[in-house]
Protein backbone atom coordinates (compact mmCIF):
# COMPACT_ATOMS: atom_id res chain seq x y z
CA UNK A 1 276.89 -32.81 115.35
CA UNK A 2 278.73 -30.19 117.52
CA UNK A 3 279.62 -27.99 114.49
CA UNK A 4 276.33 -28.11 112.93
CA UNK A 5 274.86 -27.16 116.28
CA UNK A 6 277.10 -24.09 116.65
CA UNK A 7 276.56 -23.02 113.09
CA UNK A 8 272.93 -23.05 113.81
CA UNK A 9 273.48 -20.93 116.67
CA UNK A 10 275.53 -18.38 114.94
CA UNK A 11 272.97 -18.28 112.18
CA UNK A 12 270.00 -17.53 114.64
CA UNK A 13 272.26 -14.87 116.45
CA UNK A 14 272.97 -13.01 113.21
CA UNK A 15 269.40 -13.55 112.00
CA UNK A 16 268.19 -11.51 115.13
CA UNK A 17 270.72 -8.74 114.43
CA UNK A 18 269.46 -8.52 110.82
CA UNK A 19 265.66 -8.35 112.00
CA UNK A 20 266.44 -5.64 114.43
CA UNK A 21 268.65 -3.68 111.91
CA UNK A 22 267.26 -0.30 110.25
CA UNK A 23 267.65 -0.27 106.66
CA UNK A 24 269.57 2.78 105.30
CA UNK A 25 270.56 3.87 101.99
CA UNK A 26 273.08 6.33 100.55
CA UNK A 27 270.59 9.14 100.91
CA UNK A 28 269.46 8.35 104.54
CA UNK A 29 270.29 11.50 106.81
CA UNK A 30 271.80 10.77 110.18
CA UNK A 31 269.04 12.74 111.82
CA UNK A 32 266.31 10.77 110.07
CA UNK A 33 267.93 7.58 111.27
CA UNK A 34 268.37 8.78 114.69
CA UNK A 35 264.70 9.48 114.96
CA UNK A 36 263.74 6.16 113.33
CA UNK A 37 265.97 4.23 116.06
CA UNK A 38 264.44 6.32 118.77
CA UNK A 39 260.79 5.48 117.94
CA UNK A 40 261.92 1.82 118.03
CA UNK A 41 263.03 2.17 121.47
CA UNK A 42 260.11 4.52 122.60
CA UNK A 43 258.20 1.74 124.33
CA UNK A 44 261.44 0.74 126.27
CA UNK A 45 262.03 4.21 127.16
CA UNK A 46 258.64 4.82 128.45
CA UNK A 47 259.39 2.02 131.03
CA UNK A 48 262.55 3.60 132.70
CA UNK A 49 262.62 5.12 136.09
CA UNK A 50 264.89 6.71 138.51
CA UNK A 51 268.47 7.14 137.68
CA UNK A 52 268.06 5.33 134.19
CA UNK A 53 265.51 7.59 133.29
CA UNK A 54 267.34 10.46 134.28
CA UNK A 55 270.41 9.37 132.12
CA UNK A 56 268.10 8.63 129.22
CA UNK A 57 267.00 12.34 129.38
CA UNK A 58 270.48 13.66 129.53
CA UNK A 59 271.30 11.39 126.19
CA UNK A 60 267.87 13.03 124.77
CA UNK A 61 269.27 16.33 125.28
CA UNK A 62 272.62 15.62 123.74
CA UNK A 63 270.77 14.06 120.65
CA UNK A 64 268.63 17.02 120.19
CA UNK A 65 271.33 19.44 120.57
CA UNK A 66 273.27 17.42 117.90
CA UNK A 67 270.38 17.78 115.12
CA UNK A 68 269.30 21.20 116.39
CA UNK A 69 269.82 22.44 112.87
CA UNK A 70 267.13 19.95 111.40
CA UNK A 71 263.74 21.27 112.28
CA UNK A 72 261.76 18.37 111.43
CA UNK A 73 263.92 15.72 113.30
CA UNK A 74 264.42 17.97 116.24
CA UNK A 75 260.69 18.30 116.37
CA UNK A 76 260.32 14.60 116.30
CA UNK A 77 262.73 14.16 118.92
CA UNK A 78 260.79 16.92 121.09
CA UNK A 79 257.60 14.92 120.69
CA UNK A 80 259.20 11.49 121.73
CA UNK A 81 261.04 12.95 124.55
CA UNK A 82 257.62 14.79 125.79
CA UNK A 83 255.42 11.41 125.27
CA UNK A 84 257.69 8.83 126.60
CA UNK A 85 260.40 10.40 128.79
CA UNK A 86 258.17 13.04 130.30
CA UNK A 87 260.45 15.78 129.07
CA UNK A 88 258.34 18.93 128.29
CA UNK A 89 259.42 20.81 125.16
CA UNK A 90 260.03 24.03 127.06
CA UNK A 91 262.44 22.06 129.44
CA UNK A 92 264.19 20.13 126.53
CA UNK A 93 264.85 23.47 124.53
CA UNK A 94 266.10 25.40 127.92
CA UNK A 95 268.39 22.33 128.36
CA UNK A 96 269.87 22.48 124.74
CA UNK A 97 270.34 26.07 125.10
CA UNK A 98 272.33 25.55 128.21
CA UNK A 99 274.47 22.71 126.79
CA UNK A 100 275.16 24.68 123.49
CA UNK A 101 276.25 27.71 125.73
CA UNK A 102 278.46 25.54 127.90
CA UNK A 103 280.25 24.18 124.74
CA UNK A 104 281.11 27.52 123.76
CA UNK A 105 284.63 28.44 124.39
CA UNK A 106 285.31 30.30 127.49
CA UNK A 107 286.44 33.80 127.36
CA UNK A 108 288.28 35.80 130.53
CA UNK A 109 286.34 38.99 131.19
CA UNK A 110 289.62 41.18 130.86
CA UNK A 111 289.86 40.33 127.15
CA UNK A 112 286.44 41.18 126.13
CA UNK A 113 286.18 44.56 124.20
CA UNK A 114 283.49 46.47 126.16
CA UNK A 115 282.12 48.27 123.06
CA UNK A 116 281.06 45.23 121.61
CA UNK A 117 279.76 43.31 124.71
CA UNK A 118 276.85 43.52 127.15
CA UNK A 119 276.81 41.24 130.20
CA UNK A 120 273.70 40.09 131.77
CA UNK A 121 272.79 39.82 135.43
CA UNK A 122 274.18 36.87 137.43
CA UNK A 123 275.96 36.20 140.86
CA UNK A 124 278.83 38.52 139.93
CA UNK A 125 276.49 41.37 138.33
CA UNK A 126 273.34 42.81 139.85
CA UNK A 127 270.34 43.49 137.70
CA UNK A 128 270.84 47.50 138.24
CA UNK A 129 274.69 47.09 137.24
CA UNK A 130 273.77 45.23 134.16
CA UNK A 131 270.76 47.64 133.32
CA UNK A 132 272.97 50.61 133.64
CA UNK A 133 275.48 49.28 131.00
CA UNK A 134 272.67 48.02 128.96
CA UNK A 135 270.67 51.16 128.70
CA UNK A 136 273.31 53.52 128.80
CA UNK A 137 274.38 51.84 125.55
CA UNK A 138 270.65 51.82 124.19
CA UNK A 139 270.63 55.77 125.14
CA UNK A 140 273.57 56.51 122.95
CA UNK A 141 271.89 55.09 119.99
CA UNK A 142 268.50 57.07 120.30
CA UNK A 143 266.67 54.14 119.05
CA UNK A 144 264.73 53.02 122.16
CA UNK A 145 262.99 55.48 124.35
CA UNK A 146 261.00 55.91 127.63
CA UNK A 147 257.44 56.92 127.76
CA UNK A 148 254.95 56.52 130.71
CA UNK A 149 256.26 53.53 132.42
CA UNK A 150 257.26 51.46 129.09
CA UNK A 151 260.22 51.20 126.70
CA UNK A 152 259.01 51.79 123.28
CA UNK A 153 260.54 51.94 119.68
CA UNK A 154 259.64 53.83 116.62
CA UNK A 155 257.10 51.60 114.39
CA UNK A 156 255.30 51.72 111.28
CA UNK A 157 251.45 51.17 110.43
CA UNK A 158 250.64 49.43 107.21
CA UNK A 159 250.15 53.09 105.64
CA UNK A 160 253.75 53.64 106.59
CA UNK A 161 252.73 56.37 109.14
CA UNK A 162 255.13 56.10 112.16
CA UNK A 163 254.03 55.09 115.49
CA UNK A 164 255.51 54.58 119.20
CA UNK A 165 255.43 50.66 119.96
CA UNK A 166 255.65 49.49 123.53
CA UNK A 167 258.35 46.68 123.62
CA UNK A 168 257.53 43.72 125.72
CA UNK A 169 260.15 41.15 127.20
CA UNK A 170 260.38 38.59 124.14
CA UNK A 171 260.90 41.60 121.87
CA UNK A 172 263.56 43.02 123.97
CA UNK A 173 265.54 39.92 124.11
CA UNK A 174 266.19 40.22 120.45
CA UNK A 175 266.67 43.86 120.25
CA UNK A 176 269.45 43.80 122.74
CA UNK A 177 271.70 41.64 120.09
CA UNK A 178 271.41 44.69 117.83
CA UNK A 179 273.55 46.69 120.41
CA UNK A 180 276.46 44.18 121.23
CA UNK A 181 277.42 40.59 121.83
CA UNK A 182 275.47 39.22 124.83
CA UNK A 183 277.46 37.42 127.51
CA UNK A 184 276.88 36.02 131.06
CA UNK A 185 279.13 34.90 133.77
CA UNK A 186 279.42 30.96 134.27
CA UNK A 187 280.92 28.91 136.64
CA UNK A 188 283.68 26.44 135.27
CA UNK A 189 284.08 22.78 136.55
CA UNK A 190 287.71 24.03 138.28
CA UNK A 191 285.65 26.96 140.17
CA UNK A 192 286.62 29.73 137.76
CA UNK A 193 284.14 32.14 136.73
CA UNK A 194 284.35 33.25 132.89
CA UNK A 195 282.09 34.83 130.38
CA UNK A 196 280.38 32.79 127.76
CA UNK A 197 278.10 33.85 124.92
CA UNK A 198 274.51 33.66 125.65
CA UNK A 199 270.81 34.52 124.63
CA UNK A 200 268.88 36.77 126.95
CA UNK A 201 266.12 34.76 129.00
CA UNK A 202 262.81 36.20 129.20
CA UNK A 203 262.64 36.53 132.95
CA UNK A 204 266.04 38.35 132.64
CA UNK A 205 264.53 40.60 129.94
CA UNK A 206 261.40 41.22 132.14
CA UNK A 207 263.66 42.22 134.91
CA UNK A 208 265.72 44.67 133.09
CA UNK A 209 262.73 46.32 131.26
CA UNK A 210 261.56 47.32 134.87
CA UNK A 211 264.56 48.39 136.35
CA UNK A 212 265.48 51.81 137.49
CA UNK A 213 268.04 52.49 134.82
CA UNK A 214 265.51 51.60 132.23
CA UNK A 215 263.47 54.66 133.47
CA UNK A 216 266.47 57.07 133.85
CA UNK A 217 268.65 56.29 130.99
CA UNK A 218 266.88 56.13 127.71
CA UNK A 219 265.68 59.41 126.09
CA UNK A 220 262.31 60.33 127.04
CA UNK A 221 259.56 60.71 124.36
CA UNK A 222 256.02 62.34 124.83
CA UNK A 223 255.22 63.30 121.26
CA UNK A 224 255.49 62.11 117.58
CA UNK A 225 255.41 64.36 114.88
CA UNK A 226 255.54 63.69 111.03
CA UNK A 227 257.09 66.95 110.14
CA UNK A 228 259.61 69.72 111.45
CA UNK A 229 258.51 71.45 114.43
CA UNK A 230 258.99 75.26 115.28
CA UNK A 231 260.04 76.08 118.77
CA UNK A 232 261.68 78.42 120.96
CA UNK A 233 265.26 78.06 121.27
CA UNK A 234 266.24 80.88 124.23
CA UNK A 235 265.28 83.94 122.77
CA UNK A 236 265.22 82.76 119.14
CA UNK A 237 262.90 80.65 117.02
CA UNK A 238 264.21 77.52 115.61
CA UNK A 239 263.05 74.57 113.27
CA UNK A 240 263.69 71.25 114.48
CA UNK A 241 264.28 68.39 111.91
CA UNK A 242 263.88 64.93 111.83
CA UNK A 243 264.90 62.88 114.81
CA UNK A 244 264.84 63.11 118.49
CA UNK A 245 264.90 66.29 120.48
CA UNK A 246 264.50 66.93 124.25
CA UNK A 247 262.28 69.89 123.61
CA UNK A 248 258.61 69.69 124.93
CA UNK A 249 259.45 66.66 127.41
CA UNK A 250 260.84 64.84 124.32
CA UNK A 251 259.70 64.67 120.83
CA UNK A 252 260.58 62.53 117.82
CA UNK A 253 260.31 64.08 114.57
CA UNK A 254 259.65 61.10 112.01
CA UNK A 255 260.61 63.02 108.70
CA UNK A 256 259.68 65.76 106.47
CA UNK A 257 261.66 68.76 104.71
CA UNK A 258 262.48 71.73 106.46
CA UNK A 259 259.79 74.33 105.09
CA UNK A 260 260.87 77.44 103.25
CA UNK A 261 260.58 81.05 104.30
CA UNK A 262 257.51 82.36 103.07
CA UNK A 263 256.68 86.17 103.19
CA UNK A 264 253.67 87.02 105.44
CA UNK A 265 251.16 88.36 102.96
CA UNK A 266 251.69 85.22 100.80
CA UNK A 267 251.49 82.87 103.63
CA UNK A 268 248.15 84.47 104.57
CA UNK A 269 247.00 84.28 101.18
CA UNK A 270 247.57 80.64 100.73
CA UNK A 271 246.14 79.57 104.22
CA UNK A 272 242.92 81.63 103.30
CA UNK A 273 242.61 79.79 99.85
CA UNK A 274 242.59 76.37 101.67
CA UNK A 275 238.85 77.01 102.71
CA UNK A 276 237.74 78.76 99.67
CA UNK A 277 235.84 75.95 98.28
CA UNK A 278 234.08 75.25 101.81
CA UNK A 279 230.62 76.66 102.44
CA UNK A 280 230.44 77.97 105.95
CA UNK A 281 227.12 79.03 107.31
CA UNK A 282 228.75 81.94 109.38
CA UNK A 283 231.87 83.88 109.14
CA UNK A 284 232.57 82.53 112.78
CA UNK A 285 232.81 78.88 111.13
CA UNK A 286 235.23 80.13 108.58
CA UNK A 287 237.36 81.77 111.20
CA UNK A 288 237.30 78.24 113.27
CA UNK A 289 238.35 76.54 110.13
CA UNK A 290 241.21 78.79 109.37
CA UNK A 291 242.44 78.56 113.04
CA UNK A 292 242.28 74.59 112.80
CA UNK A 293 245.27 74.86 110.37
CA UNK A 294 247.29 77.18 112.72
CA UNK A 295 246.42 75.51 116.10
CA UNK A 296 248.64 72.26 115.71
CA UNK A 297 251.80 74.18 115.19
CA UNK A 298 251.03 76.25 118.35
CA UNK A 299 250.69 73.12 120.32
CA UNK A 300 253.44 71.05 118.73
CA UNK A 301 256.15 73.73 119.28
CA UNK A 302 254.78 74.46 122.96
CA UNK A 303 253.39 78.05 122.13
CA UNK A 304 250.09 76.80 123.54
CA UNK A 305 250.82 75.12 126.88
CA UNK A 306 247.07 73.84 127.58
CA UNK A 307 244.74 71.44 125.73
CA UNK A 308 243.22 72.15 122.20
CA UNK A 309 239.36 71.77 121.70
CA UNK A 310 238.01 68.66 119.92
CA UNK A 311 237.62 69.74 116.19
CA UNK A 312 233.81 69.23 115.69
CA UNK A 313 233.11 68.96 112.10
CA UNK A 314 229.37 69.12 111.52
CA UNK A 315 227.32 69.27 108.18
CA UNK A 316 223.91 69.49 106.96
CA UNK A 317 224.12 66.26 104.87
CA UNK A 318 226.90 63.35 103.45
CA UNK A 319 229.77 64.42 101.40
CA UNK A 320 230.03 68.26 102.40
CA UNK A 321 233.30 67.99 103.05
CA UNK A 322 233.68 67.84 106.83
CA UNK A 323 236.19 64.86 106.96
CA UNK A 324 237.95 66.15 103.71
CA UNK A 325 238.82 69.39 105.61
CA UNK A 326 240.21 67.69 108.48
CA UNK A 327 242.34 65.60 106.36
CA UNK A 328 243.52 68.71 104.46
CA UNK A 329 244.72 69.99 108.18
CA UNK A 330 246.63 66.76 108.65
CA UNK A 331 248.16 66.76 105.42
CA UNK A 332 249.85 70.39 106.08
CA UNK A 333 251.85 68.49 109.00
CA UNK A 334 252.55 65.43 106.80
CA UNK A 335 249.96 63.21 108.71
CA UNK A 336 246.99 61.19 107.91
CA UNK A 337 244.35 61.20 110.88
CA UNK A 338 244.48 58.07 112.85
CA UNK A 339 240.96 56.86 112.73
CA UNK A 340 238.86 55.47 115.84
CA UNK A 341 236.21 52.94 114.77
CA UNK A 342 232.76 52.95 116.81
CA UNK A 343 232.15 49.21 117.41
CA UNK A 344 228.35 48.13 117.27
CA UNK A 345 228.92 44.56 118.58
CA UNK A 346 231.64 42.36 119.86
CA UNK A 347 234.02 42.69 122.78
CA UNK A 348 235.01 46.62 123.93
CA UNK A 349 233.38 49.95 123.58
CA UNK A 350 234.63 53.28 122.06
CA UNK A 351 236.61 54.14 125.01
CA UNK A 352 238.60 50.86 124.69
CA UNK A 353 239.27 51.85 121.02
CA UNK A 354 240.68 55.29 121.99
CA UNK A 355 243.58 53.72 124.11
CA UNK A 356 245.35 52.09 121.45
CA UNK A 357 245.36 55.44 119.24
CA UNK A 358 246.76 57.31 122.41
CA UNK A 359 249.55 54.59 122.72
CA UNK A 360 250.37 54.98 118.92
CA UNK A 361 251.35 58.59 119.43
CA UNK A 362 250.29 59.60 116.04
CA UNK A 363 249.05 63.25 116.59
CA UNK A 364 245.74 63.25 114.80
CA UNK A 365 243.14 61.24 116.11
CA UNK A 366 239.70 61.14 114.19
CA UNK A 367 236.20 59.79 115.21
CA UNK A 368 234.62 59.75 111.65
CA UNK A 369 230.92 60.22 110.69
CA UNK A 370 229.54 59.51 114.22
CA UNK A 371 225.52 59.01 114.70
CA UNK A 372 223.25 59.10 117.50
CA UNK A 373 223.94 59.78 121.21
CA UNK A 374 228.17 60.31 121.80
CA UNK A 375 228.77 59.94 125.41
CA UNK A 376 232.34 59.18 126.46
CA UNK A 377 233.68 60.09 130.06
CA UNK A 378 237.08 58.89 129.10
CA UNK A 379 237.31 61.09 125.96
CA UNK A 380 236.37 64.17 127.88
CA UNK A 381 238.74 63.38 130.75
CA UNK A 382 241.61 63.25 128.09
CA UNK A 383 240.67 66.55 126.67
CA UNK A 384 241.08 68.12 130.10
CA UNK A 385 243.74 66.01 131.73
CA UNK A 386 246.04 68.23 133.67
CA UNK A 387 248.91 65.38 133.38
CA UNK A 388 249.23 61.83 132.10
CA UNK A 389 246.32 59.57 131.54
CA UNK A 390 246.37 55.77 131.42
CA UNK A 391 245.99 54.27 128.04
CA UNK A 392 245.81 50.46 127.51
CA UNK A 393 246.45 48.21 124.79
CA UNK A 394 244.52 44.78 125.12
CA UNK A 395 247.08 41.92 126.03
CA UNK A 396 249.97 44.57 125.97
CA UNK A 397 249.56 46.64 129.34
CA UNK A 398 249.29 50.16 130.04
CA UNK A 399 251.10 53.41 129.05
CA UNK A 400 250.72 56.76 130.86
CA UNK A 401 250.36 59.23 127.90
CA UNK A 402 250.37 62.99 127.71
CA UNK A 403 246.96 63.87 126.04
CA UNK A 404 248.09 67.38 125.51
CA UNK A 405 249.97 66.63 122.28
CA UNK A 406 247.08 65.24 120.29
CA UNK A 407 244.62 66.69 117.89
CA UNK A 408 241.27 65.31 118.26
CA UNK A 409 238.83 65.70 115.66
CA UNK A 410 235.28 64.30 115.17
CA UNK A 411 232.72 64.31 112.13
CA UNK A 412 228.99 64.11 111.95
CA UNK A 413 225.79 64.99 110.19
CA UNK A 414 223.79 65.39 113.56
CA UNK A 415 225.55 63.76 116.47
CA UNK A 416 224.15 64.51 119.95
CA UNK A 417 226.93 65.08 122.35
CA UNK A 418 226.85 65.67 126.07
CA UNK A 419 227.08 69.25 127.13
CA UNK A 420 230.73 68.77 128.53
CA UNK A 421 232.01 67.60 125.39
CA UNK A 422 230.28 70.34 123.44
CA UNK A 423 232.24 72.93 125.86
CA UNK A 424 235.46 71.24 124.95
CA UNK A 425 234.85 71.40 121.28
CA UNK A 426 235.58 73.83 118.54
CA UNK A 427 232.33 73.45 116.16
CA UNK A 428 232.88 74.08 112.52
CA UNK A 429 229.64 73.66 110.32
CA UNK A 430 229.65 73.26 106.58
CA UNK A 431 227.03 73.10 104.08
CA UNK A 432 227.03 70.92 100.88
CA UNK A 433 227.63 72.61 97.82
CA UNK A 434 224.89 72.65 95.04
CA UNK A 435 225.27 70.09 92.41
CA UNK A 436 227.46 71.25 89.39
CA UNK A 437 229.68 73.56 91.67
CA UNK A 438 233.21 73.61 90.32
CA UNK A 439 235.96 73.10 92.88
CA UNK A 440 239.44 74.33 92.61
CA UNK A 441 241.78 71.85 90.46
CA UNK A 442 245.88 72.01 90.78
CA UNK A 443 248.28 70.16 88.42
CA UNK A 444 248.30 67.57 91.26
CA UNK A 445 244.42 67.26 91.40
CA UNK A 446 242.13 68.47 94.07
CA UNK A 447 243.10 70.75 97.14
CA UNK A 448 244.18 67.87 99.51
CA UNK A 449 246.54 66.14 96.84
CA UNK A 450 247.85 69.84 96.13
CA UNK A 451 248.89 69.85 99.91
CA UNK A 452 250.38 66.70 99.90
CA UNK A 453 252.56 67.37 96.91
CA UNK A 454 253.77 70.64 98.32
CA UNK A 455 253.61 70.08 102.11
CA UNK A 456 256.86 71.94 103.13
CA UNK A 457 255.56 75.34 101.57
CA UNK A 458 252.39 74.85 103.35
CA UNK A 459 253.88 74.23 106.55
CA UNK A 460 256.19 77.27 105.70
CA UNK A 461 253.15 79.36 105.39
CA UNK A 462 251.92 78.15 108.93
CA UNK A 463 255.26 78.87 110.46
CA UNK A 464 255.20 82.24 108.72
CA UNK A 465 251.98 83.30 110.64
CA UNK A 466 253.15 81.81 113.96
CA UNK A 467 256.32 83.49 113.61
CA UNK A 468 254.63 86.89 112.92
CA UNK A 469 252.48 86.43 116.13
CA UNK A 470 255.57 85.35 118.35
CA UNK A 471 257.09 88.60 117.04
CA UNK A 472 254.53 90.86 118.10
CA UNK A 473 254.64 89.25 121.68
CA UNK A 474 251.98 86.58 121.33
CA UNK A 475 249.01 88.66 122.04
CA UNK A 476 245.63 87.70 122.83
CA UNK A 477 242.12 89.03 122.89
CA UNK A 478 239.84 89.06 125.64
CA UNK A 479 237.65 86.32 124.45
CA UNK A 480 235.75 84.56 127.07
CA UNK A 481 233.19 82.61 125.48
CA UNK A 482 234.89 79.09 125.75
CA UNK A 483 236.33 77.00 128.35
CA UNK A 484 239.95 76.81 126.50
CA UNK A 485 240.71 80.44 127.17
CA UNK A 486 244.46 80.05 126.13
CA UNK A 487 243.39 78.53 122.81
CA UNK A 488 240.28 80.80 122.29
CA UNK A 489 242.22 84.11 122.84
CA UNK A 490 245.40 83.27 121.11
CA UNK A 491 243.71 82.02 117.72
CA UNK A 492 241.03 84.81 117.94
CA UNK A 493 243.67 87.30 117.84
CA UNK A 494 245.42 85.69 114.97
CA UNK A 495 242.45 85.17 112.87
CA UNK A 496 241.20 88.60 113.31
CA UNK A 497 244.56 90.36 113.04
CA UNK A 498 246.70 88.35 110.73
CA UNK A 499 244.14 86.26 108.64
CA UNK A 500 241.71 89.23 108.67
CA UNK A 501 238.66 87.09 109.39
CA UNK A 502 235.54 87.44 111.75
CA UNK A 503 236.04 86.89 115.61
CA UNK A 504 236.91 83.07 116.38
CA UNK A 505 233.54 82.38 118.57
CA UNK A 506 231.06 84.18 116.45
CA UNK A 507 228.03 81.75 116.11
CA UNK A 508 229.55 78.97 118.27
CA UNK A 509 227.19 79.35 121.23
CA UNK A 510 224.53 78.61 119.41
CA UNK A 511 225.97 75.44 117.54
CA UNK A 512 227.29 74.35 120.99
CA UNK A 513 223.90 74.50 122.64
CA UNK A 514 222.02 72.65 119.65
CA UNK A 515 224.75 69.92 119.64
CA UNK A 516 224.00 68.94 123.34
CA UNK A 517 220.37 69.50 123.08
CA UNK A 518 218.37 66.17 122.12
CA UNK A 519 215.15 68.37 121.40
CA UNK A 520 216.90 70.67 118.70
CA UNK A 521 218.73 67.92 117.39
CA UNK A 522 215.25 65.98 116.81
CA UNK A 523 214.05 69.15 115.03
CA UNK A 524 217.10 69.64 112.91
CA UNK A 525 216.63 65.94 111.75
CA UNK A 526 213.01 66.90 110.62
CA UNK A 527 214.18 70.12 108.94
CA UNK A 528 217.32 68.79 107.34
CA UNK A 529 217.10 71.50 104.69
CA UNK A 530 219.47 74.21 105.66
CA UNK A 531 217.89 77.61 106.67
CA UNK A 532 221.06 79.28 106.10
CA UNK A 533 221.10 82.58 103.62
CA UNK A 534 223.85 82.48 101.01
CA UNK A 535 226.15 84.92 103.16
CA UNK A 536 225.84 86.31 106.70
CA UNK A 537 224.34 84.96 109.97
CA UNK A 538 222.42 82.00 110.73
CA UNK A 539 218.73 82.38 110.55
CA UNK A 540 216.91 80.40 113.29
CA UNK A 541 214.03 78.22 112.75
CA UNK A 542 211.06 78.33 115.58
CA UNK A 543 209.20 75.10 116.06
CA UNK A 544 206.90 74.81 118.99
CA UNK A 545 208.80 77.37 120.75
CA UNK A 546 212.22 75.92 120.37
CA UNK A 547 215.03 77.61 118.12
CA UNK A 548 216.68 74.65 115.95
């Protein structure tokens, strides 16, 4: 009887073990088994308190660290820890990171190779000391730059064009790893301090980015160019090739071939031919179109120190070539215009759309085919700002930018601007060619495709004209009919004496007055048929005593 009772007790004991056992097969992974067992204990885990709960959390951290290479199992452990042990995912991940770091073999400071090591701030190393070493190393590579209060890198748009991209703390954490192995001082149980490998925490990255060494050590960049730039190097002229250069407050040249030397006569003929298929209502419009191909080179190379006027392309009807001409100008400099979209709904207006384009740093900014009333106090301020202007990117913060390095363009079939914007513009009017007109063709296609295919040569033609102007002492005329005197007087001399064209601002005052006068704009919309003779000056139309 005793034996039978004992046998029955043993049977019940083993039966309970079998019932509680988790079935496994040869293919069952340890991580999956651990999750299944943890789910069975979830209710009991949720009833723990005090020291028992703390110990359970420690075991959860060790379990998660053991299976951190199994994403699905790790996600399940994080979910169970958050739901039943009140251990948030962020806290669990930080604890896993610290545990893994503590398990790394310690290395004394003296044995670390300085060339392969960067040390984060700690009790043994101040933020400024750490930042000095980090940004000193970065400065040697010329891959991260300082611009207007932010650390930036060279990025690319979807069309392949380069841009200046601000770096935030989360990006900086991973960028650091490209320069060296990252270490931090840690205390050991015996009281010694050793260096251990680590990942840069986000709060440390934020502190480094706003430190004084971050402002002083990286190379400063104010401008971005897509092609070589002609600058003064002492008394001589020099062409800057791809890469970063300290000239003009810091300029990064994204690429392009050094242009060939072109004889002056050939250069003049080539540039003049760029506008031969455009129908200008006056010789002054043609001169301003020619000047638009030369002005960027003068500004990029620091020959003109002030702002350039906004290129206001106006046409009597659509498909006249106003935007096409501006794309040709940008193509000479190996660029495509960075287009600002005028929003008609949603959050943010035109001014908010300008900020990201300024932060991008791409030099040509285009407001394409605007209609109606155009009034932007921000743009007007950008066109005349004596120093830096604040520019914002949504959710990315503010950057101080030097607006003098940009070429602004605007096209319209009759936009109404403010008087202030008209005073800051170079208005270039174009008429649509008659149906059946035969445009010039080249082996590559149209004139824009021809410029893109032969960009170094066209840039060489521009440089030849600029070099001749510099050789003659950078002379100016006494032109006073524009607020941007430096630009007006310099380009007026160039178009008249080197390009053999009409005075720069002939006919400009009439175009400027009409563009900012709502009455004349309204009358112009009624009389859309152009009142221009085939060649020569503009013939005004009088309606109700108002010239339009």
